[in-house]
C-alpha cells in the first residue's frame, strides 16, 4: 500500500502520514492551526479577517470533520495568503481542487492568479470577480 498505514473508524478511511504513524490533520484541524498561527482566535476576528460568518468558525472549531462550501474554502486560503502549493494541499483535504476543470473555467484561473499574486483582501478580490461576472468569495452572512 505504498508505505501508508490505513485504519477504519466508523466506516471512514483515515490516512496516516508516511513518515510516522501520526494522523494527518483534517481540513478543519489544519484551518484552525493556520488561524491560530495568524492570531485569529475568535469568531469575531475570523469574521473580520476572513470575511466569512462566525458560524463557519464555530463549525470548524467544534467538528474536526467539518468541510465548508468550496467557495468558503477558497476564501479561507486566499485570506490567509496561502501559497499555491499550500492552497492545493488544504483544498485536497476538503475534497476540492484549485485546478481548472476545463479550458473555459475562468473562475479557477482567476483564483489561481489571485493566489500567485498574493491577493488577500477579500473585498478587493470580490471587486475583480464581480467585474468579470464571476461568483464572489465569502460572505459575512454565510
C-alpha atoms as a PDB file:
ATOM      1  CA  UNK A   1       0.000   0.000   0.000  1.00  0.00           C
ATOM      2  CA  UNK A   2       2.771   2.444  -0.891  1.00  0.00           C
ATOM      3  CA  UNK A   3       4.051   2.797   2.681  1.00  0.00           C
ATOM      4  CA  UNK A   4       0.887   4.355   4.148  1.00  0.00           C
ATOM      5  CA  UNK A   5      -0.995   2.825   7.039  1.00  0.00           C
ATOM      6  CA  UNK A   6      -4.778   2.923   6.890  1.00  0.00           C
ATOM      7  CA  UNK A   7      -7.288   2.390   9.656  1.00  0.00           C
ATOM      8  CA  UNK A   8     -11.060   2.305   9.593  1.00  0.00           C
ATOM      9  CA  UNK A   9     -13.157   4.136  12.152  1.00  0.00           C
ATOM     10  CA  UNK A  10     -16.926   4.440  11.824  1.00  0.00           C
ATOM     11  CA  UNK A  11     -16.670   3.448   8.169  1.00  0.00           C
ATOM     12  CA  UNK A  12     -14.337   6.316   7.242  1.00  0.00           C
ATOM     13  CA  UNK A  13     -10.823   5.835   5.920  1.00  0.00           C
ATOM     14  CA  UNK A  14      -8.243   7.851   7.824  1.00  0.00           C
ATOM     15  CA  UNK A  15      -4.866   8.373   6.161  1.00  0.00           C
ATOM     16  CA  UNK A  16      -1.692   8.415   8.174  1.00  0.00           C
ATOM     17  CA  UNK A  17       1.499  10.095   7.105  1.00  0.00           C
ATOM     18  CA  UNK A  18       4.324   8.083   5.597  1.00  0.00           C
ATOM     19  CA  UNK A  19       6.961   9.450   7.985  1.00  0.00           C
ATOM     20  CA  UNK A  20       5.188   8.394  11.186  1.00  0.00           C
ATOM     21  CA  UNK A  21       2.035   6.827  12.499  1.00  0.00           C
ATOM     22  CA  UNK A  22       0.611  10.230  13.440  1.00  0.00           C
ATOM     23  CA  UNK A  23      -2.750  11.050  11.902  1.00  0.00           C
ATOM     24  CA  UNK A  24      -2.609  13.879   9.375  1.00  0.00           C
ATOM     25  CA  UNK A  25      -4.804  16.857  10.319  1.00  0.00           C
ATOM     26  CA  UNK A  26      -8.237  17.154   8.715  1.00  0.00           C
ATOM     27  CA  UNK A  27      -9.248  20.250   6.774  1.00  0.00           C
ATOM     28  CA  UNK A  28     -10.873  21.786   9.868  1.00  0.00           C
ATOM     29  CA  UNK A  29      -7.905  20.988  12.116  1.00  0.00           C
ATOM     30  CA  UNK A  30      -5.450  22.417   9.587  1.00  0.00           C
ATOM     31  CA  UNK A  31      -7.515  25.605   9.200  1.00  0.00           C
ATOM     32  CA  UNK A  32      -7.697  26.052  12.984  1.00  0.00           C
ATOM     33  CA  UNK A  33      -3.880  25.718  13.193  1.00  0.00           C
ATOM     34  CA  UNK A  34      -3.449  28.272  10.387  1.00  0.00           C
ATOM     35  CA  UNK A  35      -5.916  30.666  12.007  1.00  0.00           C
ATOM     36  CA  UNK A  36      -4.163  30.394  15.370  1.00  0.00           C
ATOM     37  CA  UNK A  37      -0.756  30.992  13.791  1.00  0.00           C
ATOM     38  CA  UNK A  38      -2.206  34.148  12.205  1.00  0.00           C
ATOM     39  CA  UNK A  39      -3.611  35.398  15.520  1.00  0.00           C
ATOM     40  CA  UNK A  40      -7.227  34.674  14.602  1.00  0.00           C
ATOM     41  CA  UNK A  41      -8.568  33.098  17.759  1.00  0.00           C
ATOM     42  CA  UNK A  42     -12.229  34.091  17.938  1.00  0.00           C
ATOM     43  CA  UNK A  43     -15.319  34.112  15.774  1.00  0.00           C
ATOM     44  CA  UNK A  44     -15.228  37.914  15.748  1.00  0.00           C
ATOM     45  CA  UNK A  45     -11.666  38.099  14.415  1.00  0.00           C
ATOM     46  CA  UNK A  46     -12.471  35.316  11.910  1.00  0.00           C
ATOM     47  CA  UNK A  47     -15.449  37.274  10.622  1.00  0.00           C
ATOM     48  CA  UNK A  48     -13.464  40.486  10.131  1.00  0.00           C
ATOM     49  CA  UNK A  49     -10.261  38.848   8.809  1.00  0.00           C
ATOM     50  CA  UNK A  50     -11.627  36.090   6.609  1.00  0.00           C
ATOM     51  CA  UNK A  51     -14.974  37.643   5.588  1.00  0.00           C
ATOM     52  CA  UNK A  52     -16.959  34.548   6.470  1.00  0.00           C
ATOM     53  CA  UNK A  53     -19.639  34.191   9.123  1.00  0.00           C
ATOM     54  CA  UNK A  54     -18.858  33.318  12.713  1.00  0.00           C
ATOM     55  CA  UNK A  55     -20.921  30.148  12.333  1.00  0.00           C
ATOM     56  CA  UNK A  56     -18.308  28.705   9.942  1.00  0.00           C
ATOM     57  CA  UNK A  57     -15.580  29.420  12.516  1.00  0.00           C
ATOM     58  CA  UNK A  58     -17.595  27.651  15.215  1.00  0.00           C
ATOM     59  CA  UNK A  59     -18.225  24.628  12.978  1.00  0.00           C
ATOM     60  CA  UNK A  60     -14.506  24.398  12.137  1.00  0.00           C
ATOM     61  CA  UNK A  61     -13.641  24.639  15.826  1.00  0.00           C
ATOM     62  CA  UNK A  62     -16.224  22.121  17.086  1.00  0.00           C
ATOM     63  CA  UNK A  63     -16.161  19.476  14.341  1.00  0.00           C
ATOM     64  CA  UNK A  64     -12.784  18.269  13.113  1.00  0.00           C
ATOM     65  CA  UNK A  65     -14.501  16.652  10.117  1.00  0.00           C
ATOM     66  CA  UNK A  66     -16.395  19.794   9.061  1.00  0.00           C
ATOM     67  CA  UNK A  67     -15.909  20.843   5.451  1.00  0.00           C
ATOM     68  CA  UNK A  68     -17.330  24.225   4.378  1.00  0.00           C
ATOM     69  CA  UNK A  69     -18.540  25.042   0.887  1.00  0.00           C
ATOM     70  CA  UNK A  70     -15.961  25.184  -1.876  1.00  0.00           C
ATOM     71  CA  UNK A  71     -16.368  28.956  -2.031  1.00  0.00           C
ATOM     72  CA  UNK A  72     -15.698  29.286   1.725  1.00  0.00           C
ATOM     73  CA  UNK A  73     -12.622  27.038   1.427  1.00  0.00           C
ATOM     74  CA  UNK A  74     -11.200  29.246  -1.367  1.00  0.00           C
ATOM     75  CA  UNK A  75     -11.963  32.336   0.709  1.00  0.00           C
ATOM     76  CA  UNK A  76     -10.023  30.944   3.682  1.00  0.00           C
ATOM     77  CA  UNK A  77      -6.992  30.084   1.513  1.00  0.00           C
ATOM     78  CA  UNK A  78      -6.833  33.498  -0.128  1.00  0.00           C
ATOM     79  CA  UNK A  79      -7.467  35.462   3.089  1.00  0.00           C
ATOM     80  CA  UNK A  80      -4.670  33.547   4.841  1.00  0.00           C
ATOM     81  CA  UNK A  81      -2.274  34.297   1.941  1.00  0.00           C
ATOM     82  CA  UNK A  82      -1.502  30.630   1.368  1.00  0.00           C
ATOM     83  CA  UNK A  83       0.855  29.761  -1.463  1.00  0.00           C
ATOM     84  CA  UNK A  84      -0.498  27.824  -4.432  1.00  0.00           C
ATOM     85  CA  UNK A  85       1.066  24.639  -3.029  1.00  0.00           C
ATOM     86  CA  UNK A  86      -0.443  25.216   0.449  1.00  0.00           C
ATOM     87  CA  UNK A  87      -3.814  26.020  -1.134  1.00  0.00           C
ATOM     88  CA  UNK A  88      -3.757  22.848  -3.218  1.00  0.00           C
ATOM     89  CA  UNK A  89      -2.917  20.735  -0.154  1.00  0.00           C
ATOM     90  CA  UNK A  90      -5.572  22.319   2.042  1.00  0.00           C
ATOM     91  CA  UNK A  91      -8.295  22.119  -0.610  1.00  0.00           C
ATOM     92  CA  UNK A  92      -7.363  18.494  -1.258  1.00  0.00           C
ATOM     93  CA  UNK A  93      -8.129  17.719   2.400  1.00  0.00           C
ATOM     94  CA  UNK A  94     -11.653  19.025   1.784  1.00  0.00           C
ATOM     95  CA  UNK A  95     -12.032  17.125  -1.485  1.00  0.00           C
ATOM     96  CA  UNK A  96     -11.765  20.282  -3.618  1.00  0.00           C
ATOM     97  CA  UNK A  97      -9.344  21.287  -6.342  1.00  0.00           C
ATOM     98  CA  UNK A  98      -7.999  24.640  -7.459  1.00  0.00           C
ATOM     99  CA  UNK A  99      -7.113  23.264 -10.862  1.00  0.00           C
ATOM    100  CA  UNK A 100      -9.378  24.456 -13.697  1.00  0.00           C
ATOM    101  CA  UNK A 101     -11.938  21.832 -14.710  1.00  0.00           C
ATOM    102  CA  UNK A 102     -11.654  22.768 -18.370  1.00  0.00           C
ATOM    103  CA  UNK A 103     -10.273  25.413 -20.657  1.00  0.00           C
ATOM    104  CA  UNK A 104     -13.356  27.558 -20.013  1.00  0.00           C
ATOM    105  CA  UNK A 105     -13.018  27.513 -16.197  1.00  0.00           C
ATOM    106  CA  UNK A 106     -12.268  31.216 -15.791  1.00  0.00           C
ATOM    107  CA  UNK A 107     -13.259  31.206 -12.085  1.00  0.00           C
ATOM    108  CA  UNK A 108     -10.451  28.878 -11.004  1.00  0.00           C
ATOM    109  CA  UNK A 109      -7.966  30.571 -13.321  1.00  0.00           C
ATOM    110  CA  UNK A 110      -8.719  33.916 -11.654  1.00  0.00           C
ATOM    111  CA  UNK A 111      -8.399  32.319  -8.187  1.00  0.00           C
ATOM    112  CA  UNK A 112      -5.013  30.824  -9.115  1.00  0.00           C
ATOM    113  CA  UNK A 113      -3.840  34.269 -10.287  1.00  0.00           C
ATOM    114  CA  UNK A 114      -5.061  35.856  -7.048  1.00  0.00           C
ATOM    115  CA  UNK A 115      -3.140  33.276  -5.018  1.00  0.00           C
ATOM    116  CA  UNK A 116       0.024  33.691  -7.075  1.00  0.00           C
ATOM    117  CA  UNK A 117      -0.250  37.493  -6.869  1.00  0.00           C
ATOM    118  CA  UNK A 118      -0.766  37.211  -3.088  1.00  0.00           C
ATOM    119  CA  UNK A 119      -4.178  38.894  -3.043  1.00  0.00           C
ATOM    120  CA  UNK A 120      -5.518  38.640   0.489  1.00  0.00           C
ATOM    121  CA  UNK A 121      -8.062  41.397   0.967  1.00  0.00           C
ATOM    122  CA  UNK A 122     -11.339  39.673   0.132  1.00  0.00           C
ATOM    123  CA  UNK A 123     -13.270  42.853  -0.871  1.00  0.00           C
ATOM    124  CA  UNK A 124     -10.527  43.578  -3.435  1.00  0.00           C
ATOM    125  CA  UNK A 125     -10.788  40.023  -4.773  1.00  0.00           C
ATOM    126  CA  UNK A 126     -14.577  40.321  -4.950  1.00  0.00           C
ATOM    127  CA  UNK A 127     -14.359  43.566  -6.897  1.00  0.00           C
ATOM    128  CA  UNK A 128     -12.282  41.845  -9.565  1.00  0.00           C
ATOM    129  CA  UNK A 129     -14.522  38.752  -9.600  1.00  0.00           C
ATOM    130  CA  UNK A 130     -17.635  40.932  -9.884  1.00  0.00           C
ATOM    131  CA  UNK A 131     -16.104  42.880 -12.785  1.00  0.00           C
ATOM    132  CA  UNK A 132     -15.618  39.552 -14.576  1.00  0.00           C
ATOM    133  CA  UNK A 133     -19.178  38.433 -13.775  1.00  0.00           C
ATOM    134  CA  UNK A 134     -17.966  35.608 -11.513  1.00  0.00           C
ATOM    135  CA  UNK A 135     -19.137  34.377  -8.110  1.00  0.00           C
ATOM    136  CA  UNK A 136     -17.705  36.442  -5.260  1.00  0.00           C
ATOM    137  CA  UNK A 137     -15.767  34.937  -2.370  1.00  0.00           C
ATOM    138  CA  UNK A 138     -17.053  34.648   1.180  1.00  0.00           C
ATOM    139  CA  UNK A 139     -19.897  36.398   2.820  1.00  0.00           C
ATOM    140  CA  UNK A 140     -20.393  37.586   6.364  1.00  0.00           C
ATOM    141  CA  UNK A 141     -23.900  36.126   6.131  1.00  0.00           C
ATOM    142  CA  UNK A 142     -22.552  32.586   5.366  1.00  0.00           C
END
